[in-house]
Amino acid sequence: MGKTFREWNVEQSWLLPPSVMDFVPAGHVAHFVRDTVREQLDLTEIVAPYEQEERGFPPYHPVMMTALLLYAYCQGVYSSRRIARACEERVDFMAVTGLNRPDFRTVSDFRKRHLPALAGLFVQVLKLCQRAGLVSLGHVALDGTKLKANASKHKAMSYGRMPESEQRLKGEVRAWFDKAASIDAAEDREHAGRRGDELPDWVADKQRRLQKIREAKATLEAEAHAHGQSAPKAKAQRNFTDPDSRIMKSSHGFVQAYNGQAAVDEKAQVIVAQSLSNQGTDVQQLSPILEQIKHNMGRQAQELSADAGYCSEGNLAVLARHKVRPYIATGRQRHSDAAATGGRRAPPGTRVAAMRTRLARAGRRSRYRLRKQLPEAVFGQIKQARGFRQFLMRGLHKVQGEWSLICTVHNLLKLAKAQPRG
């Protein structure tokens, strides 16, 4: 007698319509994200604009679209095309959308239109984490990570090269015009009804590149004058694809990037403050992050740890004013020295010298050790587990919103893990 198998009939019709609640298990994160967005987030800023639009085909519900975006980011799905395809192919996405299938343009347009409001959800989700007891503010660790811009570093040019390139392109374009003028009569006969003086594609491209070089040169000069410099440094660069991005040094060499900051609470690795800039160094990021912690949480952290990139007399003074006990490395960390006390000797009596002494006395028991356990783990979850290594958008304002959305989703997943499974 042959083995009996369960029935498999792909043509079987459903006697009762399926419920999206049954598409995935009761404790699935898809249910959590959908219900959190529907029931606990204030989306007035996103919904309100639609109430003034009387004409046109009814749009997809903005609350559903918000839940879709947040869930997609939770799953490491970021491009609008992949999100749209998931709505057609994945039952977990269907559990969020209720079988709605917005196309990729709809997803992309929604994200662009409501990016500032979506970025503002960071504080709302953080408040939910606080109410759930996931934030203590006993110790917060601050660190930065370089994230690739949506631009190639090979599309950048230094100020020193701009004059040479500008003159070369001007010469090439002028040479073509001279040649065109000398053969006007022949061109008229060859092109018949056309004028015969249309620019070839290569000339138009060179003109556009020449214009970009002039604009980039003028911008660098304006920035230099704003900082009291007579002229930009020869190595000052500007990218033609995403002018706001900068070439920065990362663990993978030099990349066209932005600098993302995250202050992470020790209790559950919740991000309590975040920011993003196009500055390659971290030292100027500490003070704004401290202000943001107080604004977001209603009170300040008791302790803060950070690497040597944040160490300065000014930053230590800011921490003292906020009554935050610091654990900040004063020099490059050696493998045998968890307190990171290498580097040049600070003058006696300075805050940096006192910081060096504090770390050296505690040794491996120093609270400084939490710096690697907190933000570096969070960056690993964002970059490795959820695969976010490069921005989709261009321009500082837009990528700031995108980074805020990434941090919001990180906290949302921490909140999901803390919820009892139904």
Protein backbone atom coordinates (compact mmCIF):
# COMPACT_ATOMS: atom_id res chain seq x y z
CA MET A 1 0.00 0.00 0.00
CA GLY A 2 1.41 3.42 -1.03
CA LYS A 3 2.20 6.21 1.38
CA THR A 4 -0.70 8.59 2.14
CA PHE A 5 0.00 12.30 1.79
CA ARG A 6 -1.93 15.37 2.75
CA GLU A 7 -4.06 16.75 -0.05
CA TRP A 8 -2.41 19.33 -2.32
CA ASN A 9 -4.85 20.87 -4.73
CA VAL A 10 -3.73 24.26 -6.02
CA GLU A 11 -7.04 24.72 -7.85
CA GLN A 12 -9.12 24.32 -4.69
CA SER A 13 -11.39 27.32 -4.09
CA TRP A 14 -11.82 28.81 -0.63
CA LEU A 15 -15.26 28.15 0.84
CA LEU A 16 -14.86 31.23 3.07
CA PRO A 17 -12.73 34.28 2.26
CA PRO A 18 -9.38 34.19 4.11
CA SER A 19 -8.59 36.70 6.85
CA VAL A 20 -5.26 38.55 6.74
CA MET A 21 -5.04 37.91 10.48
CA ASP A 22 -4.44 34.26 9.62
CA PHE A 23 -1.73 34.85 7.02
CA VAL A 24 1.03 34.80 9.64
CA PRO A 25 1.12 33.51 13.25
CA ALA A 26 -0.50 35.59 15.98
CA GLY A 27 2.82 36.71 17.45
CA HIS A 28 4.35 37.77 14.13
CA VAL A 29 6.00 41.19 13.93
CA ALA A 30 3.77 42.07 10.96
CA HIS A 31 0.75 42.17 13.27
CA PHE A 32 2.69 44.18 15.84
CA VAL A 33 3.85 46.86 13.39
CA ARG A 34 0.42 47.18 11.76
CA ASP A 35 -1.44 47.45 15.05
CA THR A 36 1.12 49.81 16.61
CA VAL A 37 0.83 52.19 13.67
CA ARG A 38 -2.98 52.01 13.69
CA GLU A 39 -3.53 52.32 17.43
CA GLN A 40 -0.58 54.05 19.08
CA LEU A 41 1.01 56.52 16.66
CA ASP A 42 -0.34 59.99 15.96
CA LEU A 43 -0.34 60.27 12.16
CA THR A 44 -2.29 63.51 11.93
CA GLU A 45 0.54 65.22 10.05
CA ILE A 46 0.46 62.49 7.41
CA VAL A 47 -3.33 62.08 7.12
CA ALA A 48 -4.33 65.78 7.21
CA PRO A 49 -3.17 66.75 3.69
CA TYR A 50 -5.44 64.13 2.13
CA GLU A 51 -8.54 65.60 3.75
CA GLN A 52 -8.12 68.72 1.62
CA GLU A 53 -7.88 66.76 -1.64
CA GLU A 54 -11.41 66.43 -3.04
CA ARG A 55 -10.68 65.33 -6.58
CA GLY A 56 -9.02 62.32 -8.09
CA PHE A 57 -9.16 58.59 -7.51
CA PRO A 58 -9.19 57.64 -3.79
CA PRO A 59 -5.58 57.14 -2.61
CA TYR A 60 -4.33 54.24 -0.54
CA HIS A 61 -4.93 54.83 3.15
CA PRO A 62 -1.95 56.81 4.51
CA VAL A 63 -1.97 54.82 7.77
CA MET A 64 -1.65 51.60 5.77
CA MET A 65 1.16 53.11 3.69
CA THR A 66 2.99 54.18 6.86
CA ALA A 67 2.67 50.70 8.33
CA LEU A 68 3.88 49.21 5.04
CA LEU A 69 7.00 51.37 4.97
CA LEU A 70 7.88 50.70 8.61
CA TYR A 71 7.34 46.97 8.23
CA ALA A 72 9.37 46.85 5.00
CA TYR A 73 12.26 48.57 6.76
CA CYS A 74 11.93 46.07 9.63
CA GLN A 75 12.46 43.32 7.06
CA GLY A 76 15.43 45.00 5.40
CA VAL A 77 13.39 45.83 2.27
CA TYR A 78 14.10 49.44 1.29
CA SER A 79 13.65 50.01 -2.45
CA SER A 80 10.15 50.94 -3.63
CA ARG A 81 10.23 48.24 -6.30
CA ARG A 82 11.08 45.50 -3.82
CA ILE A 83 8.39 46.77 -1.44
CA ALA A 84 5.78 46.72 -4.21
CA ARG A 85 6.83 43.22 -5.26
CA ALA A 86 6.62 42.00 -1.66
CA CYS A 87 3.01 43.26 -1.48
CA GLU A 88 2.23 40.85 -4.32
CA GLU A 89 4.33 37.87 -3.23
CA ARG A 90 4.73 37.80 0.58
CA VAL A 91 1.91 36.94 2.94
CA ASP A 92 3.52 38.88 5.81
CA PHE A 93 3.32 42.05 3.72
CA MET A 94 -0.27 41.17 2.81
CA ALA A 95 -1.07 40.93 6.52
CA VAL A 96 0.05 44.55 6.83
CA THR A 97 -1.62 45.93 3.70
CA GLY A 98 -4.85 43.93 3.87
CA LEU A 99 -4.15 42.68 0.31
CA ASN A 100 -3.66 46.19 -1.08
CA ARG A 101 -0.98 46.30 -3.76
CA PRO A 102 0.45 49.80 -4.24
CA ASP A 103 2.89 50.02 -7.13
CA PHE A 104 6.47 51.18 -6.70
CA ARG A 105 5.74 54.75 -7.82
CA THR A 106 3.04 55.07 -5.17
CA VAL A 107 5.43 53.79 -2.50
CA SER A 108 8.24 56.07 -3.65
CA ASP A 109 6.02 59.15 -3.90
CA PHE A 110 4.50 58.52 -0.46
CA ARG A 111 7.93 58.24 1.14
CA LYS A 112 9.17 61.43 -0.54
CA ARG A 113 6.03 63.41 0.22
CA HIS A 114 5.84 62.50 3.90
CA LEU A 115 9.53 62.05 4.76
CA PRO A 116 9.61 64.87 7.38
CA ALA A 117 6.53 63.45 9.14
CA LEU A 118 7.91 59.89 8.93
CA ALA A 119 11.19 61.12 10.44
CA GLY A 120 9.19 62.63 13.30
CA LEU A 121 7.91 59.19 14.28
CA PHE A 122 11.28 58.54 15.95
CA VAL A 123 10.27 60.41 19.11
CA GLN A 124 6.82 58.76 19.24
CA VAL A 125 8.28 55.25 19.05
CA LEU A 126 10.98 56.20 21.57
CA LYS A 127 8.24 57.31 24.00
CA LEU A 128 6.58 53.90 23.57
CA CYS A 129 9.89 52.23 24.43
CA GLN A 130 10.19 54.44 27.50
CA ARG A 131 6.69 53.53 28.69
CA ALA A 132 7.51 49.86 28.14
CA GLY A 133 10.46 50.19 30.54
CA LEU A 134 13.13 49.70 27.87
CA VAL A 135 15.05 52.92 28.67
CA SER A 136 16.88 53.64 31.93
CA LEU A 137 19.25 56.51 30.97
CA GLY A 138 21.69 55.12 33.51
CA HIS A 139 24.39 54.82 30.86
CA VAL A 140 24.27 55.96 27.23
CA ALA A 141 26.98 55.22 24.68
CA LEU A 142 27.51 57.48 21.68
CA ASP A 143 29.16 56.57 18.41
CA GLY A 144 29.07 57.40 14.73
CA THR A 145 29.08 55.29 11.59
CA LYS A 146 29.78 56.16 7.97
CA LEU A 147 26.96 55.26 5.59
CA LYS A 148 27.43 55.40 1.84
CA ALA A 149 25.69 58.15 -0.06
CA ASN A 150 23.71 57.45 -3.21
CA ALA A 151 26.67 58.71 -5.24
CA SER A 152 30.04 57.47 -6.43
CA LYS A 153 33.22 58.99 -5.05
CA HIS A 154 34.49 58.97 -8.65
CA LYS A 155 31.87 61.63 -9.45
CA ALA A 156 33.62 64.09 -7.14
CA MET A 157 36.24 66.68 -8.04
CA SER A 158 38.68 68.64 -5.91
CA TYR A 159 38.81 72.43 -6.04
CA GLY A 160 42.41 72.22 -7.25
CA ARG A 161 41.36 70.27 -10.34
CA MET A 162 38.35 72.42 -11.19
CA PRO A 163 40.14 75.31 -12.97
CA GLU A 164 42.12 72.88 -15.16
CA SER A 165 39.02 70.86 -16.05
CA GLU A 166 37.01 74.00 -16.66
CA GLN A 167 39.57 75.35 -19.13
CA ARG A 168 39.91 72.00 -20.89
CA LEU A 169 36.16 71.62 -21.36
CA LYS A 170 35.81 75.22 -22.51
CA GLY A 171 38.51 74.57 -25.10
CA GLU A 172 36.87 71.40 -26.38
CA VAL A 173 33.44 73.03 -26.70
CA ARG A 174 34.93 76.13 -28.38
CA ALA A 175 36.85 73.93 -30.83
CA TRP A 176 33.65 72.21 -31.85
CA PHE A 177 31.88 75.52 -32.46
CA ASP A 178 34.81 76.74 -34.55
CA LYS A 179 34.69 73.58 -36.61
CA ALA A 180 30.92 73.81 -37.03
CA ALA A 181 31.16 77.38 -38.26
CA SER A 182 33.77 76.50 -40.89
CA ILE A 183 31.64 73.80 -42.49
CA ASP A 184 28.25 75.53 -42.31
CA ALA A 185 27.49 75.23 -46.01
CA ALA A 186 28.24 71.52 -46.12
CA GLU A 187 26.17 70.91 -43.03
CA ASP A 188 23.19 72.74 -44.56
CA ARG A 189 23.22 70.46 -47.59
CA GLU A 190 23.75 67.34 -45.45
CA HIS A 191 20.98 68.04 -42.94
CA ALA A 192 18.41 69.20 -45.49
CA GLY A 193 15.41 70.44 -43.54
CA ARG A 194 17.23 70.65 -40.20
CA ARG A 195 19.19 73.72 -39.17
CA GLY A 196 22.41 71.77 -39.10
CA ASP A 197 23.72 73.49 -35.99
CA GLU A 198 22.24 71.13 -33.41
CA LEU A 199 24.72 70.22 -30.68
CA PRO A 200 26.00 66.63 -30.71
CA ASP A 201 25.29 64.69 -27.54
CA TRP A 202 28.95 64.72 -26.51
CA VAL A 203 29.09 68.51 -26.75
CA ALA A 204 25.89 68.91 -24.74
CA ASP A 205 27.27 66.56 -22.08
CA LYS A 206 30.50 68.56 -21.86
CA GLN A 207 28.52 71.78 -21.53
CA ARG A 208 26.47 70.29 -18.71
CA ARG A 209 29.60 69.06 -16.97
CA LEU A 210 31.21 72.47 -17.44
CA GLN A 211 28.17 74.08 -15.80
CA LYS A 212 28.34 71.62 -12.89
CA ILE A 213 32.02 72.37 -12.37
CA ARG A 214 31.33 76.11 -12.31
CA GLU A 215 28.48 75.65 -9.82
CA ALA A 216 30.60 73.37 -7.59
CA LYS A 217 33.51 75.80 -7.74
CA ALA A 218 31.28 78.73 -6.77
CA THR A 219 29.78 76.76 -3.88
CA LEU A 220 33.19 75.78 -2.47
CA GLU A 221 34.34 79.38 -2.72
CA ALA A 222 31.22 80.62 -0.93
CA GLU A 223 31.73 78.06 1.85
CA ALA A 224 35.37 79.11 2.22
CA HIS A 225 34.44 82.79 2.47
CA ALA A 226 31.78 81.95 5.06
CA HIS A 227 34.53 80.38 7.20
CA GLY A 228 36.82 83.39 6.82
CA GLN A 229 39.07 81.81 4.18
CA SER A 230 40.20 83.67 1.08
CA ALA A 231 39.86 80.55 -1.07
CA PRO A 232 38.99 76.85 -0.66
CA LYS A 233 41.75 74.38 0.01
CA ALA A 234 42.98 72.60 -3.13
CA LYS A 235 41.80 69.23 -1.75
CA ALA A 236 38.28 70.49 -0.93
CA GLN A 237 35.87 68.32 -2.93
CA ARG A 238 32.31 68.41 -4.16
CA ASN A 239 30.34 65.53 -5.61
CA PHE A 240 28.31 66.17 -8.76
CA THR A 241 25.69 63.47 -8.03
CA ASP A 242 25.02 64.30 -4.37
CA PRO A 243 26.77 67.59 -3.59
CA ASP A 244 25.91 67.39 0.12
CA SER A 245 27.79 64.12 0.64
CA ARG A 246 31.50 64.01 1.45
CA ILE A 247 34.40 61.62 1.02
CA MET A 248 34.99 60.09 4.45
CA LYS A 249 37.33 57.51 5.88
CA SER A 250 35.61 54.31 6.98
CA SER A 251 36.66 50.79 7.95
CA HIS A 252 36.47 49.96 4.23
CA GLY A 253 38.65 52.85 3.07
CA PHE A 254 37.50 56.17 1.69
CA VAL A 255 33.84 56.32 0.65
CA GLN A 256 31.35 58.95 -0.49
CA ALA A 257 29.26 59.06 2.65
CA TYR A 258 27.37 60.70 5.47
CA ASN A 259 28.10 60.41 9.20
CA GLY A 260 25.25 58.86 11.20
CA GLN A 261 25.18 59.28 14.98
CA ALA A 262 23.34 57.18 17.56
CA ALA A 263 23.19 57.42 21.35
CA VAL A 264 22.23 54.00 22.69
CA ASP A 265 20.79 53.24 26.13
CA GLU A 266 22.36 50.35 28.03
CA LYS A 267 19.14 48.62 29.14
CA ALA A 268 17.79 47.32 25.82
CA GLN A 269 19.97 48.96 23.14
CA VAL A 270 17.28 51.51 22.37
CA ILE A 271 18.45 54.58 20.42
CA VAL A 272 17.56 57.61 22.54
CA ALA A 273 19.00 60.26 20.20
CA GLN A 274 20.21 60.28 16.62
CA SER A 275 21.49 62.66 14.00
CA LEU A 276 23.22 62.70 10.64
CA SER A 277 25.68 65.15 9.12
CA ASN A 278 28.13 65.49 6.26
CA GLN A 279 31.00 66.18 8.65
CA GLY A 280 33.59 63.43 8.76
CA THR A 281 34.62 64.04 12.39
CA ASP A 282 32.55 63.33 15.49
CA VAL A 283 33.76 65.93 17.97
CA GLN A 284 31.07 68.51 17.11
CA GLN A 285 28.24 65.98 17.37
CA LEU A 286 28.26 65.43 21.14
CA SER A 287 26.60 68.64 22.31
CA PRO A 288 23.57 68.39 19.95
CA ILE A 289 23.08 64.76 20.93
CA LEU A 290 23.02 65.68 24.63
CA GLU A 291 20.41 68.34 23.94
CA GLN A 292 18.35 65.85 21.98
CA ILE A 293 18.44 63.24 24.77
CA LYS A 294 17.01 65.78 27.20
CA HIS A 295 14.39 66.93 24.67
CA ASN A 296 13.33 63.40 23.71
CA MET A 297 13.29 61.83 27.18
CA GLY A 298 12.46 64.74 29.46
CA ARG A 299 15.60 64.12 31.50
CA GLN A 300 19.31 63.67 30.92
CA ALA A 301 21.45 60.53 30.96
CA GLN A 302 23.53 59.90 34.08
CA GLU A 303 26.60 58.58 32.25
CA LEU A 304 27.92 58.76 28.70
CA SER A 305 30.72 56.86 27.02
CA ALA A 306 32.31 57.62 23.66
CA ASP A 307 35.54 57.04 21.78
CA ALA A 308 38.44 59.46 21.34
CA GLY A 309 36.76 61.14 18.39
CA TYR A 310 34.50 63.00 20.84
CA CYS A 311 37.21 63.98 23.31
CA SER A 312 37.89 67.69 23.74
CA GLU A 313 38.03 70.21 26.59
CA GLY A 314 34.86 71.79 25.22
CA ASN A 315 32.90 68.55 25.11
CA LEU A 316 33.95 67.56 28.62
CA ALA A 317 32.84 70.99 29.82
CA VAL A 318 29.46 70.51 28.12
CA LEU A 319 29.04 67.15 29.86
CA ALA A 320 29.86 68.77 33.19
CA ARG A 321 27.21 71.46 32.64
CA HIS A 322 24.64 68.75 31.91
CA LYS A 323 25.80 66.86 35.04
CA VAL A 324 26.61 63.77 32.95
CA ARG A 325 29.50 61.60 34.17
CA PRO A 326 31.72 60.99 31.10
CA TYR A 327 33.80 58.01 30.07
CA ILE A 328 35.50 59.25 26.91
CA ALA A 329 38.73 57.87 25.49
CA THR A 330 41.53 60.42 25.34
CA GLY A 331 43.56 58.73 22.62
CA ARG A 332 43.71 55.79 20.26
CA GLN A 333 42.75 52.53 21.96
CA ARG A 334 45.36 49.81 22.24
CA HIS A 335 44.37 46.12 22.22
CA SER A 336 45.83 45.68 25.70
CA ASP A 337 44.21 48.81 27.11
CA ALA A 338 40.44 48.81 27.47
CA ALA A 339 40.51 52.27 28.97
CA ALA A 340 41.97 53.78 25.78
CA THR A 341 44.57 55.94 27.47
CA GLY A 342 47.02 56.17 24.59
CA GLY A 343 47.76 59.31 22.58
CA ARG A 344 49.54 62.52 23.47
CA ARG A 345 49.81 63.45 27.12
CA ALA A 346 47.26 66.11 28.08
CA PRO A 347 48.50 69.11 30.14
CA PRO A 348 47.99 68.61 33.90
CA GLY A 349 44.92 70.27 35.33
CA THR A 350 42.84 69.95 32.17
CA ARG A 351 39.61 68.03 31.89
CA VAL A 352 41.21 65.70 29.36
CA ALA A 353 44.01 64.85 31.83
CA ALA A 354 41.44 64.12 34.55
CA MET A 355 39.54 61.92 32.11
CA ARG A 356 42.69 59.99 31.28
CA THR A 357 43.31 59.37 34.99
CA ARG A 358 39.74 58.17 35.57
CA LEU A 359 39.94 55.62 32.77
CA ALA A 360 43.40 54.41 33.76
CA ARG A 361 42.41 53.80 37.39
CA ALA A 362 39.36 51.73 36.48
CA GLY A 363 41.20 49.63 33.88
CA ARG A 364 39.07 46.87 32.39
CA ARG A 365 36.34 47.52 34.97
CA SER A 366 35.77 50.98 33.55
CA ARG A 367 32.28 51.84 32.34
CA TYR A 368 34.00 52.80 29.11
CA ARG A 369 33.75 49.15 28.06
CA LEU A 370 30.04 49.68 27.40
CA ARG A 371 30.90 51.84 24.40
CA LYS A 372 31.62 48.81 22.22
CA GLN A 373 28.75 46.76 23.61
CA LEU A 374 26.06 49.30 22.72
CA PRO A 375 26.32 51.45 19.55
CA GLU A 376 28.58 49.05 17.66
CA ALA A 377 26.06 46.26 18.22
CA VAL A 378 23.25 48.55 17.03
CA PHE A 379 25.17 49.51 13.88
CA GLY A 380 25.77 45.81 13.25
CA GLN A 381 22.04 45.11 13.47
CA ILE A 382 21.27 47.99 11.09
CA LYS A 383 23.99 47.28 8.55
CA GLN A 384 24.39 43.52 8.68
CA ALA A 385 21.13 42.05 9.97
CA ARG A 386 18.87 44.47 8.08
CA GLY A 387 21.26 45.28 5.26
CA PHE A 388 21.09 49.08 5.33
CA ARG A 389 24.50 50.23 4.11
CA GLN A 390 23.64 52.94 1.58
CA PHE A 391 21.08 55.71 1.40
CA LEU A 392 18.42 55.66 -1.30
CA MET A 393 17.92 59.42 -1.36
CA ARG A 394 20.22 62.34 -2.09
CA GLY A 395 20.72 65.61 -0.28
CA LEU A 396 21.45 66.19 3.40
CA HIS A 397 17.87 66.99 4.42
CA LYS A 398 16.46 63.87 2.78
CA VAL A 399 19.08 61.46 4.11
CA GLN A 400 18.59 62.90 7.60
CA GLY A 401 14.95 61.86 7.31
CA GLU A 402 15.98 58.46 6.00
CA TRP A 403 18.40 57.91 8.91
CA SER A 404 15.69 58.91 11.39
CA LEU A 405 13.39 56.33 9.79
CA ILE A 406 16.08 53.64 10.13
CA CYS A 407 16.54 54.47 13.83
CA THR A 408 12.77 54.48 14.35
CA VAL A 409 12.51 50.97 12.94
CA HIS A 410 15.37 49.77 15.16
CA ASN A 411 13.48 50.94 18.25
CA LEU A 412 10.23 49.52 16.92
CA LEU A 413 11.82 46.09 16.69
CA LYS A 414 13.18 46.41 20.25
CA LEU A 415 9.64 47.24 21.37
CA ALA A 416 8.24 44.25 19.46
CA LYS A 417 10.63 41.86 21.22
CA ALA A 418 9.50 43.19 24.59
CA GLN A 419 5.81 42.54 23.92
CA PRO A 420 4.15 39.33 25.14
CA ARG A 421 3.43 36.95 22.30
CA GLY A 422 -0.22 36.27 21.67
